[in-house]
Amino acid sequence: NNPAEIGEKLFISPNTVRTHVNNIYK
C-alpha cells in the first residue's frame, strides 16, 4: 500500500504515514 492508502486504512494523514515510514527506515 502507498501512503495515501495506508493513511486511509489507519485513519491518519499521508504526511503522518511518511513520518512513520522515515522512522521505520531509521
mmCIF file of all heavy atoms, coordinates in Angstrom:
data_MODEL
# 
_entry.id   MODEL 
# 
loop_
_atom_site.group_PDB 
_atom_site.id 
_atom_site.type_symbol 
_atom_site.label_atom_id 
_atom_site.label_alt_id 
_atom_site.label_comp_id 
_atom_site.label_asym_id 
_atom_site.label_entity_id 
_atom_site.label_seq_id 
_atom_site.pdbx_PDB_ins_code 
_atom_site.Cartn_x 
_atom_site.Cartn_y 
_atom_site.Cartn_z 
_atom_site.occupancy 
_atom_site.B_iso_or_equiv 
_atom_site.pdbx_formal_charge 
_atom_site.auth_seq_id 
_atom_site.auth_comp_id 
_atom_site.auth_asym_id 
_atom_site.auth_atom_id 
_atom_site.pdbx_PDB_model_num 
ATOM 1   N N   . ASN A 1 1  ? 0.821   -1.208 0.000  1.00 0.00 ? 1  ASN A N   1 
ATOM 2   C CA  . ASN A 1 1  ? 0.000   0.000  0.000  1.00 0.00 ? 1  ASN A CA  1 
ATOM 3   C C   . ASN A 1 1  ? 0.860   1.265  0.000  1.00 0.00 ? 1  ASN A C   1 
ATOM 4   O O   . ASN A 1 1  ? 1.930   1.299  0.602  1.00 0.00 ? 1  ASN A O   1 
ATOM 5   C CB  . ASN A 1 1  ? -0.925  0.009  1.223  1.00 0.00 ? 1  ASN A CB  1 
ATOM 6   C CG  . ASN A 1 1  ? -1.967  -1.089 1.154  1.00 0.00 ? 1  ASN A CG  1 
ATOM 7   O OD1 . ASN A 1 1  ? -2.438  -1.425 0.064  1.00 0.00 ? 1  ASN A OD1 1 
ATOM 8   N ND2 . ASN A 1 1  ? -2.315  -1.662 2.288  1.00 0.00 ? 1  ASN A ND2 1 
ATOM 9   N N   . ASN A 1 2  ? 0.381   2.316  -0.659 1.00 0.00 ? 2  ASN A N   1 
ATOM 10  C CA  . ASN A 1 2  ? 1.101   3.586  -0.686 1.00 0.00 ? 2  ASN A CA  1 
ATOM 11  C C   . ASN A 1 2  ? 0.658   4.442  0.504  1.00 0.00 ? 2  ASN A C   1 
ATOM 12  O O   . ASN A 1 2  ? -0.292  4.085  1.220  1.00 0.00 ? 2  ASN A O   1 
ATOM 13  C CB  . ASN A 1 2  ? 0.875   4.315  -2.015 1.00 0.00 ? 2  ASN A CB  1 
ATOM 14  C CG  . ASN A 1 2  ? -0.582  4.654  -2.266 1.00 0.00 ? 2  ASN A CG  1 
ATOM 15  O OD1 . ASN A 1 2  ? -1.306  5.026  -1.356 1.00 0.00 ? 2  ASN A OD1 1 
ATOM 16  N ND2 . ASN A 1 2  ? -1.019  4.519  -3.516 1.00 0.00 ? 2  ASN A ND2 1 
ATOM 17  N N   . PRO A 1 3  ? 1.331   5.606  0.750  1.00 0.00 ? 3  PRO A N   1 
ATOM 18  C CA  . PRO A 1 3  ? 0.991   6.426  1.918  1.00 0.00 ? 3  PRO A CA  1 
ATOM 19  C C   . PRO A 1 3  ? -0.478  6.821  2.000  1.00 0.00 ? 3  PRO A C   1 
ATOM 20  O O   . PRO A 1 3  ? -1.050  6.827  3.093  1.00 0.00 ? 3  PRO A O   1 
ATOM 21  C CB  . PRO A 1 3  ? 1.906   7.638  1.761  1.00 0.00 ? 3  PRO A CB  1 
ATOM 22  C CG  . PRO A 1 3  ? 3.113   7.104  1.058  1.00 0.00 ? 3  PRO A CG  1 
ATOM 23  C CD  . PRO A 1 3  ? 2.566   6.105  0.088  1.00 0.00 ? 3  PRO A CD  1 
ATOM 24  N N   . ALA A 1 4  ? -1.074  7.168  0.874  1.00 0.00 ? 4  ALA A N   1 
ATOM 25  C CA  . ALA A 1 4  ? -2.482  7.563  0.891  1.00 0.00 ? 4  ALA A CA  1 
ATOM 26  C C   . ALA A 1 4  ? -3.374  6.406  1.323  1.00 0.00 ? 4  ALA A C   1 
ATOM 27  O O   . ALA A 1 4  ? -4.294  6.567  2.138  1.00 0.00 ? 4  ALA A O   1 
ATOM 28  C CB  . ALA A 1 4  ? -2.903  8.074  -0.490 1.00 0.00 ? 4  ALA A CB  1 
ATOM 29  N N   . GLU A 1 5  ? -3.088  5.222  0.783  1.00 0.00 ? 5  GLU A N   1 
ATOM 30  C CA  . GLU A 1 5  ? -3.886  4.039  1.126  1.00 0.00 ? 5  GLU A CA  1 
ATOM 31  C C   . GLU A 1 5  ? -3.679  3.642  2.585  1.00 0.00 ? 5  GLU A C   1 
ATOM 32  O O   . GLU A 1 5  ? -4.634  3.255  3.275  1.00 0.00 ? 5  GLU A O   1 
ATOM 33  C CB  . GLU A 1 5  ? -3.502  2.885  0.201  1.00 0.00 ? 5  GLU A CB  1 
ATOM 34  C CG  . GLU A 1 5  ? -3.909  3.114  -1.259 1.00 0.00 ? 5  GLU A CG  1 
ATOM 35  C CD  . GLU A 1 5  ? -3.281  2.114  -2.211 1.00 0.00 ? 5  GLU A CD  1 
ATOM 36  O OE1 . GLU A 1 5  ? -2.174  1.593  -1.885 1.00 0.00 ? 5  GLU A OE1 1 
ATOM 37  O OE2 . GLU A 1 5  ? -3.863  1.852  -3.277 1.00 0.00 ? 5  GLU A OE2 1 
ATOM 38  N N   . ILE A 1 6  ? -2.436  3.752  3.046  1.00 0.00 ? 6  ILE A N   1 
ATOM 39  C CA  . ILE A 1 6  ? -2.148  3.418  4.443  1.00 0.00 ? 6  ILE A CA  1 
ATOM 40  C C   . ILE A 1 6  ? -2.860  4.396  5.371  1.00 0.00 ? 6  ILE A C   1 
ATOM 41  O O   . ILE A 1 6  ? -3.463  4.003  6.381  1.00 0.00 ? 6  ILE A O   1 
ATOM 42  C CB  . ILE A 1 6  ? -0.628  3.447  4.707  1.00 0.00 ? 6  ILE A CB  1 
ATOM 43  C CG1 . ILE A 1 6  ? 0.079   2.357  3.892  1.00 0.00 ? 6  ILE A CG1 1 
ATOM 44  C CG2 . ILE A 1 6  ? -0.333  3.251  6.197  1.00 0.00 ? 6  ILE A CG2 1 
ATOM 45  C CD1 . ILE A 1 6  ? 1.592   2.422  3.943  1.00 0.00 ? 6  ILE A CD1 1 
ATOM 46  N N   . GLY A 1 7  ? -2.785  5.702  5.018  1.00 0.00 ? 7  GLY A N   1 
ATOM 47  C CA  . GLY A 1 7  ? -3.439  6.710  5.833  1.00 0.00 ? 7  GLY A CA  1 
ATOM 48  C C   . GLY A 1 7  ? -4.944  6.491  5.939  1.00 0.00 ? 7  GLY A C   1 
ATOM 49  O O   . GLY A 1 7  ? -5.535  6.610  7.016  1.00 0.00 ? 7  GLY A O   1 
ATOM 50  N N   . GLU A 1 8  ? -5.550  6.150  4.815  1.00 0.00 ? 8  GLU A N   1 
ATOM 51  C CA  . GLU A 1 8  ? -6.995  5.906  4.807  1.00 0.00 ? 8  GLU A CA  1 
ATOM 52  C C   . GLU A 1 8  ? -7.352  4.707  5.677  1.00 0.00 ? 8  GLU A C   1 
ATOM 53  O O   . GLU A 1 8  ? -8.335  4.723  6.414  1.00 0.00 ? 8  GLU A O   1 
ATOM 54  C CB  . GLU A 1 8  ? -7.470  5.676  3.366  1.00 0.00 ? 8  GLU A CB  1 
ATOM 55  C CG  . GLU A 1 8  ? -8.977  5.484  3.247  1.00 0.00 ? 8  GLU A CG  1 
ATOM 56  C CD  . GLU A 1 8  ? -9.415  5.308  1.805  1.00 0.00 ? 8  GLU A CD  1 
ATOM 57  O OE1 . GLU A 1 8  ? -8.542  5.356  0.904  1.00 0.00 ? 8  GLU A OE1 1 
ATOM 58  O OE2 . GLU A 1 8  ? -10.624 5.134  1.573  1.00 0.00 ? 8  GLU A OE2 1 
ATOM 59  N N   . LYS A 1 9  ? -6.526  3.688  5.617  1.00 0.00 ? 9  LYS A N   1 
ATOM 60  C CA  . LYS A 1 9  ? -6.821  2.467  6.378  1.00 0.00 ? 9  LYS A CA  1 
ATOM 61  C C   . LYS A 1 9  ? -6.606  2.665  7.874  1.00 0.00 ? 9  LYS A C   1 
ATOM 62  O O   . LYS A 1 9  ? -7.343  2.109  8.694  1.00 0.00 ? 9  LYS A O   1 
ATOM 63  C CB  . LYS A 1 9  ? -5.944  1.326  5.862  1.00 0.00 ? 9  LYS A CB  1 
ATOM 64  C CG  . LYS A 1 9  ? -6.275  -0.033 6.460  1.00 0.00 ? 9  LYS A CG  1 
ATOM 65  C CD  . LYS A 1 9  ? -5.557  -1.148 5.721  1.00 0.00 ? 9  LYS A CD  1 
ATOM 66  C CE  . LYS A 1 9  ? -5.976  -2.504 6.255  1.00 0.00 ? 9  LYS A CE  1 
ATOM 67  N NZ  . LYS A 1 9  ? -5.311  -3.624 5.537  1.00 0.00 ? 9  LYS A NZ  1 
ATOM 68  N N   . LEU A 1 10 ? -5.595  3.460  8.233  1.00 0.00 ? 10 LEU A N   1 
ATOM 69  C CA  . LEU A 1 10 ? -5.256  3.645  9.650  1.00 0.00 ? 10 LEU A CA  1 
ATOM 70  C C   . LEU A 1 10 ? -5.821  4.938  10.230 1.00 0.00 ? 10 LEU A C   1 
ATOM 71  O O   . LEU A 1 10 ? -5.557  5.266  11.391 1.00 0.00 ? 10 LEU A O   1 
ATOM 72  C CB  . LEU A 1 10 ? -3.730  3.625  9.827  1.00 0.00 ? 10 LEU A CB  1 
ATOM 73  C CG  . LEU A 1 10 ? -3.006  2.342  9.399  1.00 0.00 ? 10 LEU A CG  1 
ATOM 74  C CD1 . LEU A 1 10 ? -1.499  2.459  9.668  1.00 0.00 ? 10 LEU A CD1 1 
ATOM 75  C CD2 . LEU A 1 10 ? -3.573  1.125  10.131 1.00 0.00 ? 10 LEU A CD2 1 
ATOM 76  N N   . PHE A 1 11 ? -6.554  5.693  9.392  1.00 0.00 ? 11 PHE A N   1 
ATOM 77  C CA  . PHE A 1 11 ? -7.180  6.942  9.820  1.00 0.00 ? 11 PHE A CA  1 
ATOM 78  C C   . PHE A 1 11 ? -6.145  7.979  10.269 1.00 0.00 ? 11 PHE A C   1 
ATOM 79  O O   . PHE A 1 11 ? -6.289  8.631  11.313 1.00 0.00 ? 11 PHE A O   1 
ATOM 80  C CB  . PHE A 1 11 ? -8.206  6.689  10.944 1.00 0.00 ? 11 PHE A CB  1 
ATOM 81  C CG  . PHE A 1 11 ? -9.297  5.731  10.544 1.00 0.00 ? 11 PHE A CG  1 
ATOM 82  C CD1 . PHE A 1 11 ? -9.249  4.413  10.980 1.00 0.00 ? 11 PHE A CD1 1 
ATOM 83  C CD2 . PHE A 1 11 ? -10.331 6.120  9.706  1.00 0.00 ? 11 PHE A CD2 1 
ATOM 84  C CE1 . PHE A 1 11 ? -10.237 3.515  10.613 1.00 0.00 ? 11 PHE A CE1 1 
ATOM 85  C CE2 . PHE A 1 11 ? -11.337 5.228  9.344  1.00 0.00 ? 11 PHE A CE2 1 
ATOM 86  C CZ  . PHE A 1 11 ? -11.273 3.919  9.779  1.00 0.00 ? 11 PHE A CZ  1 
ATOM 87  N N   . ILE A 1 12 ? -5.100  8.120  9.483  1.00 0.00 ? 12 ILE A N   1 
ATOM 88  C CA  . ILE A 1 12 ? -4.080  9.143  9.705  1.00 0.00 ? 12 ILE A CA  1 
ATOM 89  C C   . ILE A 1 12 ? -3.760  9.779  8.359  1.00 0.00 ? 12 ILE A C   1 
ATOM 90  O O   . ILE A 1 12 ? -4.076  9.219  7.299  1.00 0.00 ? 12 ILE A O   1 
ATOM 91  C CB  . ILE A 1 12 ? -2.791  8.575  10.348 1.00 0.00 ? 12 ILE A CB  1 
ATOM 92  C CG1 . ILE A 1 12 ? -2.235  7.420  9.507  1.00 0.00 ? 12 ILE A CG1 1 
ATOM 93  C CG2 . ILE A 1 12 ? -3.048  8.125  11.772 1.00 0.00 ? 12 ILE A CG2 1 
ATOM 94  C CD1 . ILE A 1 12 ? -0.954  6.816  10.056 1.00 0.00 ? 12 ILE A CD1 1 
ATOM 95  N N   . SER A 1 13 ? -3.139  10.944 8.374  1.00 0.00 ? 13 SER A N   1 
ATOM 96  C CA  . SER A 1 13 ? -2.855  11.650 7.129  1.00 0.00 ? 13 SER A CA  1 
ATOM 97  C C   . SER A 1 13 ? -1.663  11.014 6.405  1.00 0.00 ? 13 SER A C   1 
ATOM 98  O O   . SER A 1 13 ? -0.812  10.377 7.034  1.00 0.00 ? 13 SER A O   1 
ATOM 99  C CB  . SER A 1 13 ? -2.533  13.113 7.419  1.00 0.00 ? 13 SER A CB  1 
ATOM 100 O OG  . SER A 1 13 ? -1.259  13.228 8.029  1.00 0.00 ? 13 SER A OG  1 
ATOM 101 N N   . PRO A 1 14 ? -1.595  11.190 5.087  1.00 0.00 ? 14 PRO A N   1 
ATOM 102 C CA  . PRO A 1 14 ? -0.436  10.668 4.341  1.00 0.00 ? 14 PRO A CA  1 
ATOM 103 C C   . PRO A 1 14 ? 0.889   11.232 4.855  1.00 0.00 ? 14 PRO A C   1 
ATOM 104 O O   . PRO A 1 14 ? 1.902   10.521 4.861  1.00 0.00 ? 14 PRO A O   1 
ATOM 105 C CB  . PRO A 1 14 ? -0.723  11.124 2.904  1.00 0.00 ? 14 PRO A CB  1 
ATOM 106 C CG  . PRO A 1 14 ? -2.207  11.218 2.836  1.00 0.00 ? 14 PRO A CG  1 
ATOM 107 C CD  . PRO A 1 14 ? -2.626  11.727 4.182  1.00 0.00 ? 14 PRO A CD  1 
ATOM 108 N N   . ASN A 1 15 ? 0.905   12.495 5.290  1.00 0.00 ? 15 ASN A N   1 
ATOM 109 C CA  . ASN A 1 15 ? 2.142   13.072 5.832  1.00 0.00 ? 15 ASN A CA  1 
ATOM 110 C C   . ASN A 1 15 ? 2.562   12.369 7.119  1.00 0.00 ? 15 ASN A C   1 
ATOM 111 O O   . ASN A 1 15 ? 3.753   12.145 7.358  1.00 0.00 ? 15 ASN A O   1 
ATOM 112 C CB  . ASN A 1 15 ? 1.964   14.573 6.092  1.00 0.00 ? 15 ASN A CB  1 
ATOM 113 C CG  . ASN A 1 15 ? 2.026   15.386 4.812  1.00 0.00 ? 15 ASN A CG  1 
ATOM 114 O OD1 . ASN A 1 15 ? 2.575   14.929 3.803  1.00 0.00 ? 15 ASN A OD1 1 
ATOM 115 N ND2 . ASN A 1 15 ? 1.455   16.581 4.844  1.00 0.00 ? 15 ASN A ND2 1 
ATOM 116 N N   . THR A 1 16 ? 1.583   12.030 7.949  1.00 0.00 ? 16 THR A N   1 
ATOM 117 C CA  . THR A 1 16 ? 1.897   11.277 9.167  1.00 0.00 ? 16 THR A CA  1 
ATOM 118 C C   . THR A 1 16 ? 2.439   9.903  8.812  1.00 0.00 ? 16 THR A C   1 
ATOM 119 O O   . THR A 1 16 ? 3.370   9.401  9.453  1.00 0.00 ? 16 THR A O   1 
ATOM 120 C CB  . THR A 1 16 ? 0.642   11.138 10.052 1.00 0.00 ? 16 THR A CB  1 
ATOM 121 O OG1 . THR A 1 16 ? 0.180   12.437 10.413 1.00 0.00 ? 16 THR A OG1 1 
ATOM 122 C CG2 . THR A 1 16 ? 0.951   10.349 11.317 1.00 0.00 ? 16 THR A CG2 1 
ATOM 123 N N   . VAL A 1 17 ? 1.857   9.294  7.777  1.00 0.00 ? 17 VAL A N   1 
ATOM 124 C CA  . VAL A 1 17 ? 2.365   7.994  7.307  1.00 0.00 ? 17 VAL A CA  1 
ATOM 125 C C   . VAL A 1 17 ? 3.823   8.132  6.889  1.00 0.00 ? 17 VAL A C   1 
ATOM 126 O O   . VAL A 1 17 ? 4.670   7.298  7.257  1.00 0.00 ? 17 VAL A O   1 
ATOM 127 C CB  . VAL A 1 17 ? 1.521   7.468  6.129  1.00 0.00 ? 17 VAL A CB  1 
ATOM 128 C CG1 . VAL A 1 17 ? 2.183   6.214  5.532  1.00 0.00 ? 17 VAL A CG1 1 
ATOM 129 C CG2 . VAL A 1 17 ? 0.111   7.161  6.573  1.00 0.00 ? 17 VAL A CG2 1 
ATOM 130 N N   . ARG A 1 18 ? 4.141   9.189  6.132  1.00 0.00 ? 18 ARG A N   1 
ATOM 131 C CA  . ARG A 1 18 ? 5.518   9.382  5.669  1.00 0.00 ? 18 ARG A CA  1 
ATOM 132 C C   . ARG A 1 18 ? 6.474   9.576  6.846  1.00 0.00 ? 18 ARG A C   1 
ATOM 133 O O   . ARG A 1 18 ? 7.613   9.111  6.810  1.00 0.00 ? 18 ARG A O   1 
ATOM 134 C CB  . ARG A 1 18 ? 5.581   10.570 4.716  1.00 0.00 ? 18 ARG A CB  1 
ATOM 135 C CG  . ARG A 1 18 ? 4.845   10.332 3.395  1.00 0.00 ? 18 ARG A CG  1 
ATOM 136 C CD  . ARG A 1 18 ? 5.052   11.470 2.407  1.00 0.00 ? 18 ARG A CD  1 
ATOM 137 N NE  . ARG A 1 18 ? 4.312   11.234 1.181  1.00 0.00 ? 18 ARG A NE  1 
ATOM 138 C CZ  . ARG A 1 18 ? 3.080   11.687 0.948  1.00 0.00 ? 18 ARG A CZ  1 
ATOM 139 N NH1 . ARG A 1 18 ? 2.463   12.442 1.874  1.00 0.00 ? 18 ARG A NH1 1 
ATOM 140 N NH2 . ARG A 1 18 ? 2.459   11.431 -0.190 1.00 0.00 ? 18 ARG A NH2 1 
ATOM 141 N N   . THR A 1 19 ? 6.012   10.238 7.885  1.00 0.00 ? 19 THR A N   1 
ATOM 142 C CA  . THR A 1 19 ? 6.838   10.403 9.083  1.00 0.00 ? 19 THR A CA  1 
ATOM 143 C C   . THR A 1 19 ? 7.128   9.044  9.724  1.00 0.00 ? 19 THR A C   1 
ATOM 144 O O   . THR A 1 19 ? 8.266   8.751  10.111 1.00 0.00 ? 19 THR A O   1 
ATOM 145 C CB  . THR A 1 19 ? 6.134   11.309 10.113 1.00 0.00 ? 19 THR A CB  1 
ATOM 146 O OG1 . THR A 1 19 ? 5.950   12.600 9.545  1.00 0.00 ? 19 THR A OG1 1 
ATOM 147 C CG2 . THR A 1 19 ? 6.973   11.434 11.384 1.00 0.00 ? 19 THR A CG2 1 
ATOM 148 N N   . HIS A 1 20 ? 6.097   8.209  9.822  1.00 0.00 ? 20 HIS A N   1 
ATOM 149 C CA  . HIS A 1 20 ? 6.288   6.863  10.374 1.00 0.00 ? 20 HIS A CA  1 
ATOM 150 C C   . HIS A 1 20 ? 7.243   6.043  9.497  1.00 0.00 ? 20 HIS A C   1 
ATOM 151 O O   . HIS A 1 20 ? 8.099   5.301  10.004 1.00 0.00 ? 20 HIS A O   1 
ATOM 152 C CB  . HIS A 1 20 ? 4.949   6.140  10.495 1.00 0.00 ? 20 HIS A CB  1 
ATOM 153 C CG  . HIS A 1 20 ? 4.077   6.637  11.610 1.00 0.00 ? 20 HIS A CG  1 
ATOM 154 N ND1 . HIS A 1 20 ? 4.526   6.802  12.898 1.00 0.00 ? 20 HIS A ND1 1 
ATOM 155 C CD2 . HIS A 1 20 ? 2.772   7.014  11.616 1.00 0.00 ? 20 HIS A CD2 1 
ATOM 156 C CE1 . HIS A 1 20 ? 3.542   7.244  13.665 1.00 0.00 ? 20 HIS A CE1 1 
ATOM 157 N NE2 . HIS A 1 20 ? 2.463   7.386  12.904 1.00 0.00 ? 20 HIS A NE2 1 
ATOM 158 N N   . VAL A 1 21 ? 7.090   6.171  8.182  1.00 0.00 ? 21 VAL A N   1 
ATOM 159 C CA  . VAL A 1 21 ? 7.959   5.436  7.254  1.00 0.00 ? 21 VAL A CA  1 
ATOM 160 C C   . VAL A 1 21 ? 9.415   5.856  7.447  1.00 0.00 ? 21 VAL A C   1 
ATOM 161 O O   . VAL A 1 21 ? 10.324  5.010  7.507  1.00 0.00 ? 21 VAL A O   1 
ATOM 162 C CB  . VAL A 1 21 ? 7.519   5.661  5.794  1.00 0.00 ? 21 VAL A CB  1 
ATOM 163 C CG1 . VAL A 1 21 ? 8.566   5.087  4.830  1.00 0.00 ? 21 VAL A CG1 1 
ATOM 164 C CG2 . VAL A 1 21 ? 6.160   5.003  5.541  1.00 0.00 ? 21 VAL A CG2 1 
ATOM 165 N N   . ASN A 1 22 ? 9.649   7.151  7.572  1.00 0.00 ? 22 ASN A N   1 
ATOM 166 C CA  . ASN A 1 22 ? 11.015  7.638  7.785  1.00 0.00 ? 22 ASN A CA  1 
ATOM 167 C C   . ASN A 1 22 ? 11.587  7.107  9.095  1.00 0.00 ? 22 ASN A C   1 
ATOM 168 O O   . ASN A 1 22 ? 12.774  6.739  9.171  1.00 0.00 ? 22 ASN A O   1 
ATOM 169 C CB  . ASN A 1 22 ? 11.044  9.167  7.788  1.00 0.00 ? 22 ASN A CB  1 
ATOM 170 C CG  . ASN A 1 22 ? 10.847  9.755  6.402  1.00 0.00 ? 22 ASN A CG  1 
ATOM 171 O OD1 . ASN A 1 22 ? 11.149  9.107  5.404  1.00 0.00 ? 22 ASN A OD1 1 
ATOM 172 N ND2 . ASN A 1 22 ? 10.341  10.970 6.332  1.00 0.00 ? 22 ASN A ND2 1 
ATOM 173 N N   . ASN A 1 23 ? 10.760  7.041  10.132 1.00 0.00 ? 23 ASN A N   1 
ATOM 174 C CA  . ASN A 1 23 ? 11.215  6.494  11.409 1.00 0.00 ? 23 ASN A CA  1 
ATOM 175 C C   . ASN A 1 23 ? 11.531  5.003  11.301 1.00 0.00 ? 23 ASN A C   1 
ATOM 176 O O   . ASN A 1 23 ? 12.490  4.515  11.905 1.00 0.00 ? 23 ASN A O   1 
ATOM 177 C CB  . ASN A 1 23 ? 10.153  6.717  12.494 1.00 0.00 ? 23 ASN A CB  1 
ATOM 178 C CG  . ASN A 1 23 ? 10.035  8.170  12.897 1.00 0.00 ? 23 ASN A CG  1 
ATOM 179 O OD1 . ASN A 1 23 ? 10.977  8.944  12.735 1.00 0.00 ? 23 ASN A OD1 1 
ATOM 180 N ND2 . ASN A 1 23 ? 8.878   8.559  13.419 1.00 0.00 ? 23 ASN A ND2 1 
ATOM 181 N N   . ILE A 1 24 ? 10.719  4.295  10.522 1.00 0.00 ? 24 ILE A N   1 
ATOM 182 C CA  . ILE A 1 24 ? 10.961  2.862  10.302 1.00 0.00 ? 24 ILE A CA  1 
ATOM 183 C C   . ILE A 1 24 ? 12.298  2.664  9.592  1.00 0.00 ? 24 ILE A C   1 
ATOM 184 O O   . ILE A 1 24 ? 13.110  1.822  9.989  1.00 0.00 ? 24 ILE A O   1 
ATOM 185 C CB  . ILE A 1 24 ? 9.809   2.237  9.482  1.00 0.00 ? 24 ILE A CB  1 
ATOM 186 C CG1 . ILE A 1 24 ? 8.536   2.193  10.328 1.00 0.00 ? 24 ILE A CG1 1 
ATOM 187 C CG2 . ILE A 1 24 ? 10.179  0.830  9.009  1.00 0.00 ? 24 ILE A CG2 1 
ATOM 188 C CD1 . ILE A 1 24 ? 7.289   1.858  9.530  1.00 0.00 ? 24 ILE A CD1 1 
ATOM 189 N N   . TYR A 1 25 ? 12.539  3.439  8.538  1.00 0.00 ? 25 TYR A N   1 
ATOM 190 C CA  . TYR A 1 25 ? 13.804  3.352  7.817  1.00 0.00 ? 25 TYR A CA  1 
ATOM 191 C C   . TYR A 1 25 ? 14.979  3.591  8.769  1.00 0.00 ? 25 TYR A C   1 
ATOM 192 O O   . TYR A 1 25 ? 15.984  2.878  8.737  1.00 0.00 ? 25 TYR A O   1 
ATOM 193 C CB  . TYR A 1 25 ? 13.863  4.391  6.696  1.00 0.00 ? 25 TYR A CB  1 
ATOM 194 C CG  . TYR A 1 25 ? 13.007  4.098  5.479  1.00 0.00 ? 25 TYR A CG  1 
ATOM 195 C CD1 . TYR A 1 25 ? 12.900  5.024  4.455  1.00 0.00 ? 25 TYR A CD1 1 
ATOM 196 C CD2 . TYR A 1 25 ? 12.299  2.909  5.366  1.00 0.00 ? 25 TYR A CD2 1 
ATOM 197 C CE1 . TYR A 1 25 ? 12.121  4.774  3.327  1.00 0.00 ? 25 TYR A CE1 1 
ATOM 198 C CE2 . TYR A 1 25 ? 11.521  2.658  4.255  1.00 0.00 ? 25 TYR A CE2 1 
ATOM 199 C CZ  . TYR A 1 25 ? 11.429  3.586  3.239  1.00 0.00 ? 25 TYR A CZ  1 
ATOM 200 O OH  . TYR A 1 25 ? 10.656  3.329  2.136  1.00 0.00 ? 25 TYR A OH  1 
ATOM 201 N N   . LYS A 1 26 ? 14.828  4.614  9.613  1.00 0.00 ? 26 LYS A N   1 
ATOM 202 C CA  . LYS A 1 26 ? 15.918  4.959  10.534 1.00 0.00 ? 26 LYS A CA  1 
ATOM 203 C C   . LYS A 1 26 ? 16.189  3.843  11.537 1.00 0.00 ? 26 LYS A C   1 
ATOM 204 O O   . LYS A 1 26 ? 17.340  3.474  11.766 1.00 0.00 ? 26 LYS A O   1 
ATOM 205 C CB  . LYS A 1 26 ? 15.564  6.257  11.275 1.00 0.00 ? 26 LYS A CB  1 
ATOM 206 C CG  . LYS A 1 26 ? 16.667  6.754  12.196 1.00 0.00 ? 26 LYS A CG  1 
ATOM 207 C CD  . LYS A 1 26 ? 16.279  8.082  12.842 1.00 0.00 ? 26 LYS A CD  1 
ATOM 208 C CE  . LYS A 1 26 ? 17.385  8.562  13.778 1.00 0.00 ? 26 LYS A CE  1 
ATOM 209 N NZ  . LYS A 1 26 ? 17.029  9.855  14.420 1.00 0.00 ? 26 LYS A NZ  1 
# 
